[in-house]
Amino acid sequence: MIIADENIDSSLIFKLRDFGFEVFSIKENLSGESDKNIIQLTKEKKGILITEDKDFGEWVFAHNIKECTIILLRYKNVLEFEIMEDKVVQLLRNLDDAQAHKFITITHNKIRIREI
């Protein structure tokens, strides 16, 4: 299951759903929820959190949280976001259990994967 943080644009959520991914939107279901609770939800659902909030990096590394995968989107403008949407879909299609428990940063020109 994909968990889309509150800051994820609905166009990406719709695109992921169109490609057959099950997406739980924080904006649609738990607006205003704390980062701590979103991480807990991600762990419980064995999901992948997609966010634009770099505070999640601090959460997982400073608090030694290991049981989740987080994808951080970094972009400067709409054009870069549109490029990244396709990268997100491609990454999720190819993500397997061996890549679980990672902190993944996606920009318009690079994907960086770090162990959690």
N, C-alpha and C. Protein backbone atom coordinates (compact mmCIF):
# COMPACT_ATOMS: atom_id res chain seq x y z
N MET A 1 0.83 -1.18 0.00
CA MET A 1 0.00 0.00 0.00
C MET A 1 0.88 1.25 0.00
N ILE A 2 0.48 2.22 -0.77
CA ILE A 2 1.15 3.51 -0.82
C ILE A 2 0.39 4.45 0.12
N ILE A 3 1.14 5.15 0.94
CA ILE A 3 0.54 6.16 1.82
C ILE A 3 1.04 7.51 1.34
N ALA A 4 0.14 8.33 0.86
CA ALA A 4 0.48 9.65 0.34
C ALA A 4 0.31 10.67 1.45
N ASP A 5 1.41 11.31 1.82
CA ASP A 5 1.37 12.34 2.85
C ASP A 5 0.44 13.48 2.43
N GLU A 6 0.08 14.28 3.36
CA GLU A 6 -0.87 15.37 3.13
C GLU A 6 -0.39 16.35 2.05
N ASN A 7 0.93 16.48 1.88
CA ASN A 7 1.47 17.45 0.93
C ASN A 7 1.61 16.91 -0.49
N ILE A 8 1.22 15.68 -0.72
CA ILE A 8 1.34 15.10 -2.07
C ILE A 8 0.18 15.57 -2.95
N ASP A 9 0.54 16.09 -4.10
CA ASP A 9 -0.44 16.62 -5.04
C ASP A 9 -1.40 15.51 -5.48
N SER A 10 -2.65 15.84 -5.58
CA SER A 10 -3.66 14.84 -5.94
C SER A 10 -3.42 14.26 -7.34
N SER A 11 -2.75 15.00 -8.22
CA SER A 11 -2.48 14.45 -9.56
C SER A 11 -1.61 13.20 -9.46
N LEU A 12 -0.65 13.16 -8.54
CA LEU A 12 0.18 11.98 -8.37
C LEU A 12 -0.64 10.84 -7.77
N ILE A 13 -1.49 11.17 -6.81
CA ILE A 13 -2.36 10.14 -6.20
C ILE A 13 -3.24 9.50 -7.27
N PHE A 14 -3.86 10.32 -8.10
CA PHE A 14 -4.73 9.79 -9.16
C PHE A 14 -3.93 8.96 -10.16
N LYS A 15 -2.73 9.42 -10.50
CA LYS A 15 -1.90 8.68 -11.45
C LYS A 15 -1.53 7.31 -10.89
N LEU A 16 -1.15 7.27 -9.62
CA LEU A 16 -0.81 5.98 -9.00
C LEU A 16 -2.02 5.05 -8.98
N ARG A 17 -3.16 5.59 -8.65
CA ARG A 17 -4.38 4.76 -8.64
C ARG A 17 -4.71 4.27 -10.04
N ASP A 18 -4.52 5.13 -11.05
CA ASP A 18 -4.76 4.72 -12.44
C ASP A 18 -3.85 3.56 -12.85
N PHE A 19 -2.66 3.51 -12.27
CA PHE A 19 -1.73 2.43 -12.57
C PHE A 19 -1.96 1.21 -11.69
N GLY A 20 -3.01 1.24 -10.88
CA GLY A 20 -3.39 0.07 -10.11
C GLY A 20 -2.84 -0.01 -8.70
N PHE A 21 -2.17 1.04 -8.24
CA PHE A 21 -1.65 1.05 -6.88
C PHE A 21 -2.76 1.40 -5.89
N GLU A 22 -2.74 0.74 -4.75
CA GLU A 22 -3.65 1.09 -3.66
C GLU A 22 -3.02 2.26 -2.91
N VAL A 23 -3.70 3.40 -2.91
CA VAL A 23 -3.15 4.61 -2.30
C VAL A 23 -4.08 5.09 -1.19
N PHE A 24 -3.50 5.21 0.00
CA PHE A 24 -4.20 5.79 1.14
C PHE A 24 -3.71 7.23 1.26
N SER A 25 -4.62 8.18 1.08
CA SER A 25 -4.27 9.59 1.12
C SER A 25 -4.50 10.15 2.52
N ILE A 26 -3.44 10.70 3.11
CA ILE A 26 -3.57 11.35 4.41
C ILE A 26 -4.50 12.55 4.29
N LYS A 27 -4.39 13.30 3.19
CA LYS A 27 -5.23 14.47 2.98
C LYS A 27 -6.72 14.09 2.96
N GLU A 28 -7.05 12.98 2.33
CA GLU A 28 -8.44 12.54 2.21
C GLU A 28 -8.97 11.90 3.49
N ASN A 29 -8.09 11.26 4.27
CA ASN A 29 -8.55 10.44 5.39
C ASN A 29 -8.13 10.89 6.78
N LEU A 30 -6.96 11.49 6.91
CA LEU A 30 -6.43 11.83 8.24
C LEU A 30 -5.77 13.21 8.24
N SER A 31 -6.39 14.17 7.62
CA SER A 31 -5.81 15.50 7.51
C SER A 31 -5.41 16.03 8.88
N GLY A 32 -4.19 16.57 8.95
CA GLY A 32 -3.70 17.14 10.20
C GLY A 32 -3.01 16.15 11.12
N GLU A 33 -2.89 14.91 10.70
CA GLU A 33 -2.28 13.86 11.53
C GLU A 33 -0.79 14.17 11.75
N SER A 34 -0.27 13.79 12.89
CA SER A 34 1.14 14.05 13.21
C SER A 34 2.05 13.13 12.41
N ASP A 35 3.30 13.59 12.21
CA ASP A 35 4.28 12.77 11.50
C ASP A 35 4.50 11.44 12.21
N LYS A 36 4.55 11.48 13.52
CA LYS A 36 4.75 10.26 14.31
C LYS A 36 3.65 9.24 14.02
N ASN A 37 2.41 9.69 13.98
CA ASN A 37 1.29 8.77 13.70
C ASN A 37 1.29 8.29 12.26
N ILE A 38 1.77 9.12 11.34
CA ILE A 38 1.85 8.71 9.94
C ILE A 38 2.91 7.61 9.78
N ILE A 39 4.02 7.76 10.47
CA ILE A 39 5.04 6.71 10.45
C ILE A 39 4.49 5.42 11.04
N GLN A 40 3.77 5.52 12.14
CA GLN A 40 3.18 4.33 12.76
C GLN A 40 2.19 3.65 11.80
N LEU A 41 1.38 4.44 11.13
CA LEU A 41 0.43 3.91 10.15
C LEU A 41 1.17 3.20 9.01
N THR A 42 2.24 3.80 8.54
CA THR A 42 3.04 3.21 7.46
C THR A 42 3.60 1.86 7.89
N LYS A 43 4.11 1.80 9.12
CA LYS A 43 4.65 0.55 9.63
C LYS A 43 3.55 -0.50 9.78
N GLU A 44 2.41 -0.12 10.34
CA GLU A 44 1.31 -1.07 10.56
C GLU A 44 0.81 -1.65 9.24
N LYS A 45 0.71 -0.82 8.23
CA LYS A 45 0.18 -1.27 6.94
C LYS A 45 1.27 -1.84 6.03
N LYS A 46 2.52 -1.87 6.57
CA LYS A 46 3.66 -2.31 5.76
C LYS A 46 3.66 -1.57 4.42
N GLY A 47 3.43 -0.26 4.53
CA GLY A 47 3.28 0.57 3.35
C GLY A 47 4.54 1.31 2.98
N ILE A 48 4.41 2.11 1.95
CA ILE A 48 5.47 2.98 1.46
C ILE A 48 4.91 4.40 1.55
N LEU A 49 5.58 5.23 2.32
CA LEU A 49 5.15 6.62 2.49
C LEU A 49 5.79 7.48 1.42
N ILE A 50 4.97 8.25 0.72
CA ILE A 50 5.47 9.25 -0.23
C ILE A 50 5.20 10.61 0.37
N THR A 51 6.23 11.44 0.45
CA THR A 51 6.11 12.74 1.10
C THR A 51 7.01 13.77 0.43
N GLU A 52 6.74 15.02 0.71
CA GLU A 52 7.62 16.12 0.33
C GLU A 52 8.25 16.73 1.58
N ASP A 53 7.97 16.15 2.73
CA ASP A 53 8.40 16.67 4.04
C ASP A 53 9.70 16.01 4.46
N LYS A 54 10.82 16.75 4.39
CA LYS A 54 12.12 16.17 4.74
C LYS A 54 12.25 15.87 6.23
N ASP A 55 11.31 16.32 7.05
CA ASP A 55 11.32 15.97 8.48
C ASP A 55 11.22 14.46 8.69
N PHE A 56 10.64 13.74 7.74
CA PHE A 56 10.55 12.29 7.88
C PHE A 56 11.93 11.64 7.88
N GLY A 57 12.88 12.25 7.19
CA GLY A 57 14.25 11.75 7.23
C GLY A 57 14.81 11.84 8.63
N GLU A 58 14.55 12.96 9.28
CA GLU A 58 14.99 13.12 10.67
C GLU A 58 14.33 12.07 11.56
N TRP A 59 13.04 11.86 11.34
CA TRP A 59 12.32 10.87 12.15
C TRP A 59 12.96 9.50 12.05
N VAL A 60 13.18 9.03 10.85
CA VAL A 60 13.67 7.65 10.71
C VAL A 60 15.12 7.50 11.14
N PHE A 61 15.95 8.48 10.86
CA PHE A 61 17.37 8.33 11.20
C PHE A 61 17.65 8.71 12.66
N ALA A 62 17.05 9.77 13.16
CA ALA A 62 17.30 10.18 14.55
C ALA A 62 16.63 9.24 15.55
N HIS A 63 15.48 8.68 15.18
CA HIS A 63 14.73 7.81 16.09
C HIS A 63 14.93 6.33 15.76
N ASN A 64 15.82 6.06 14.80
CA ASN A 64 16.18 4.69 14.45
C ASN A 64 14.96 3.84 14.08
N ILE A 65 14.08 4.41 13.27
CA ILE A 65 12.89 3.69 12.81
C ILE A 65 13.26 2.92 11.55
N LYS A 66 13.05 1.62 11.56
CA LYS A 66 13.54 0.78 10.47
C LYS A 66 12.45 0.05 9.69
N GLU A 67 11.27 -0.02 10.17
CA GLU A 67 10.26 -0.90 9.58
C GLU A 67 9.39 -0.22 8.53
N CYS A 68 9.95 0.70 7.77
CA CYS A 68 9.14 1.34 6.74
C CYS A 68 10.03 1.83 5.60
N THR A 69 9.41 2.13 4.49
CA THR A 69 10.09 2.71 3.34
C THR A 69 9.47 4.09 3.10
N ILE A 70 10.34 5.07 2.90
CA ILE A 70 9.87 6.44 2.68
C ILE A 70 10.47 6.95 1.38
N ILE A 71 9.62 7.55 0.56
CA ILE A 71 10.05 8.19 -0.67
C ILE A 71 9.85 9.69 -0.50
N LEU A 72 10.96 10.42 -0.56
CA LEU A 72 10.94 11.88 -0.42
C LEU A 72 11.06 12.50 -1.81
N LEU A 73 10.11 13.34 -2.16
CA LEU A 73 10.12 14.02 -3.45
C LEU A 73 10.69 15.42 -3.28
N ARG A 74 11.68 15.76 -4.11
CA ARG A 74 12.32 17.08 -4.08
C ARG A 74 12.27 17.67 -5.48
N TYR A 75 11.63 18.83 -5.62
CA TYR A 75 11.54 19.47 -6.92
C TYR A 75 11.38 20.97 -6.73
N LYS A 76 11.66 21.71 -7.81
CA LYS A 76 11.62 23.17 -7.73
C LYS A 76 10.43 23.78 -8.44
N ASN A 77 9.88 23.07 -9.43
CA ASN A 77 8.80 23.65 -10.21
C ASN A 77 7.91 22.56 -10.78
N VAL A 78 6.86 22.98 -11.46
CA VAL A 78 5.87 22.05 -11.99
C VAL A 78 6.48 21.11 -13.03
N LEU A 79 7.36 21.60 -13.86
CA LEU A 79 7.99 20.76 -14.87
C LEU A 79 8.78 19.63 -14.21
N GLU A 80 9.57 19.94 -13.18
CA GLU A 80 10.32 18.91 -12.47
C GLU A 80 9.36 17.92 -11.80
N PHE A 81 8.25 18.42 -11.26
CA PHE A 81 7.27 17.53 -10.63
C PHE A 81 6.69 16.55 -11.64
N GLU A 82 6.36 17.04 -12.82
CA GLU A 82 5.81 16.16 -13.86
C GLU A 82 6.80 15.08 -14.26
N ILE A 83 8.08 15.41 -14.33
CA ILE A 83 9.11 14.41 -14.64
C ILE A 83 9.17 13.38 -13.51
N MET A 84 9.10 13.86 -12.28
CA MET A 84 9.18 12.97 -11.12
C MET A 84 7.99 12.03 -11.01
N GLU A 85 6.83 12.47 -11.41
CA GLU A 85 5.65 11.59 -11.34
C GLU A 85 5.92 10.28 -12.07
N ASP A 86 6.48 10.36 -13.26
CA ASP A 86 6.79 9.15 -14.02
C ASP A 86 7.87 8.31 -13.32
N LYS A 87 8.85 8.98 -12.72
CA LYS A 87 9.90 8.26 -11.99
C LYS A 87 9.33 7.51 -10.79
N VAL A 88 8.37 8.12 -10.10
CA VAL A 88 7.74 7.49 -8.94
C VAL A 88 7.01 6.22 -9.38
N VAL A 89 6.23 6.32 -10.43
CA VAL A 89 5.50 5.16 -10.93
C VAL A 89 6.47 4.05 -11.31
N GLN A 90 7.52 4.39 -12.05
CA GLN A 90 8.51 3.39 -12.48
C GLN A 90 9.19 2.75 -11.28
N LEU A 91 9.58 3.56 -10.30
CA LEU A 91 10.23 3.03 -9.10
C LEU A 91 9.31 2.07 -8.37
N LEU A 92 8.07 2.46 -8.17
CA LEU A 92 7.12 1.62 -7.43
C LEU A 92 6.83 0.32 -8.17
N ARG A 93 6.79 0.37 -9.49
CA ARG A 93 6.57 -0.85 -10.27
C ARG A 93 7.71 -1.85 -10.10
N ASN A 94 8.93 -1.33 -9.88
CA ASN A 94 10.10 -2.18 -9.80
C ASN A 94 10.58 -2.44 -8.37
N LEU A 95 9.95 -1.84 -7.40
CA LEU A 95 10.36 -2.00 -6.00
C LEU A 95 9.99 -3.40 -5.53
N ASP A 96 10.95 -4.08 -4.92
CA ASP A 96 10.67 -5.41 -4.41
C ASP A 96 11.04 -5.48 -2.93
N ASP A 97 10.81 -6.64 -2.33
CA ASP A 97 11.05 -6.80 -0.89
C ASP A 97 12.50 -6.54 -0.50
N ALA A 98 13.43 -6.77 -1.42
CA ALA A 98 14.84 -6.53 -1.13
C ALA A 98 15.12 -5.04 -0.95
N GLN A 99 14.23 -4.21 -1.49
CA GLN A 99 14.41 -2.77 -1.38
C GLN A 99 13.56 -2.17 -0.26
N ALA A 100 12.97 -3.02 0.57
CA ALA A 100 12.16 -2.52 1.67
C ALA A 100 13.05 -1.88 2.73
N HIS A 101 12.45 -1.03 3.52
CA HIS A 101 13.13 -0.36 4.62
C HIS A 101 14.24 0.55 4.11
N LYS A 102 13.87 1.39 3.16
CA LYS A 102 14.80 2.34 2.55
C LYS A 102 14.25 3.76 2.68
N PHE A 103 15.16 4.70 2.61
CA PHE A 103 14.79 6.10 2.48
C PHE A 103 15.24 6.51 1.09
N ILE A 104 14.25 6.80 0.24
CA ILE A 104 14.52 7.05 -1.18
C ILE A 104 14.20 8.52 -1.47
N THR A 105 15.17 9.21 -2.05
CA THR A 105 14.96 10.59 -2.46
C THR A 105 14.92 10.64 -3.98
N ILE A 106 13.87 11.25 -4.50
CA ILE A 106 13.72 11.37 -5.95
C ILE A 106 13.71 12.85 -6.32
N THR A 107 14.59 13.20 -7.25
CA THR A 107 14.58 14.53 -7.86
C THR A 107 14.29 14.33 -9.34
N HIS A 108 14.21 15.41 -10.09
CA HIS A 108 13.90 15.28 -11.51
C HIS A 108 15.01 14.57 -12.28
N ASN A 109 16.24 14.54 -11.72
CA ASN A 109 17.35 13.93 -12.46
C ASN A 109 18.09 12.83 -11.71
N LYS A 110 17.60 12.44 -10.52
CA LYS A 110 18.35 11.45 -9.74
C LYS A 110 17.44 10.74 -8.75
N ILE A 111 17.80 9.49 -8.46
CA ILE A 111 17.15 8.72 -7.40
C ILE A 111 18.26 8.24 -6.47
N ARG A 112 18.14 8.56 -5.18
CA ARG A 112 19.13 8.12 -4.18
C ARG A 112 18.41 7.21 -3.20
N ILE A 113 18.99 6.04 -2.96
CA ILE A 113 18.40 5.05 -2.06
C ILE A 113 19.37 4.82 -0.91
N ARG A 114 18.86 5.01 0.32
CA ARG A 114 19.67 4.81 1.53
C ARG A 114 19.02 3.76 2.42
N GLU A 115 19.83 2.96 3.04
CA GLU A 115 19.35 2.00 4.04
C GLU A 115 18.83 2.76 5.23
N ILE A 116 17.76 2.25 5.81
CA ILE A 116 17.27 2.81 7.08
C ILE A 116 17.77 1.91 8.18
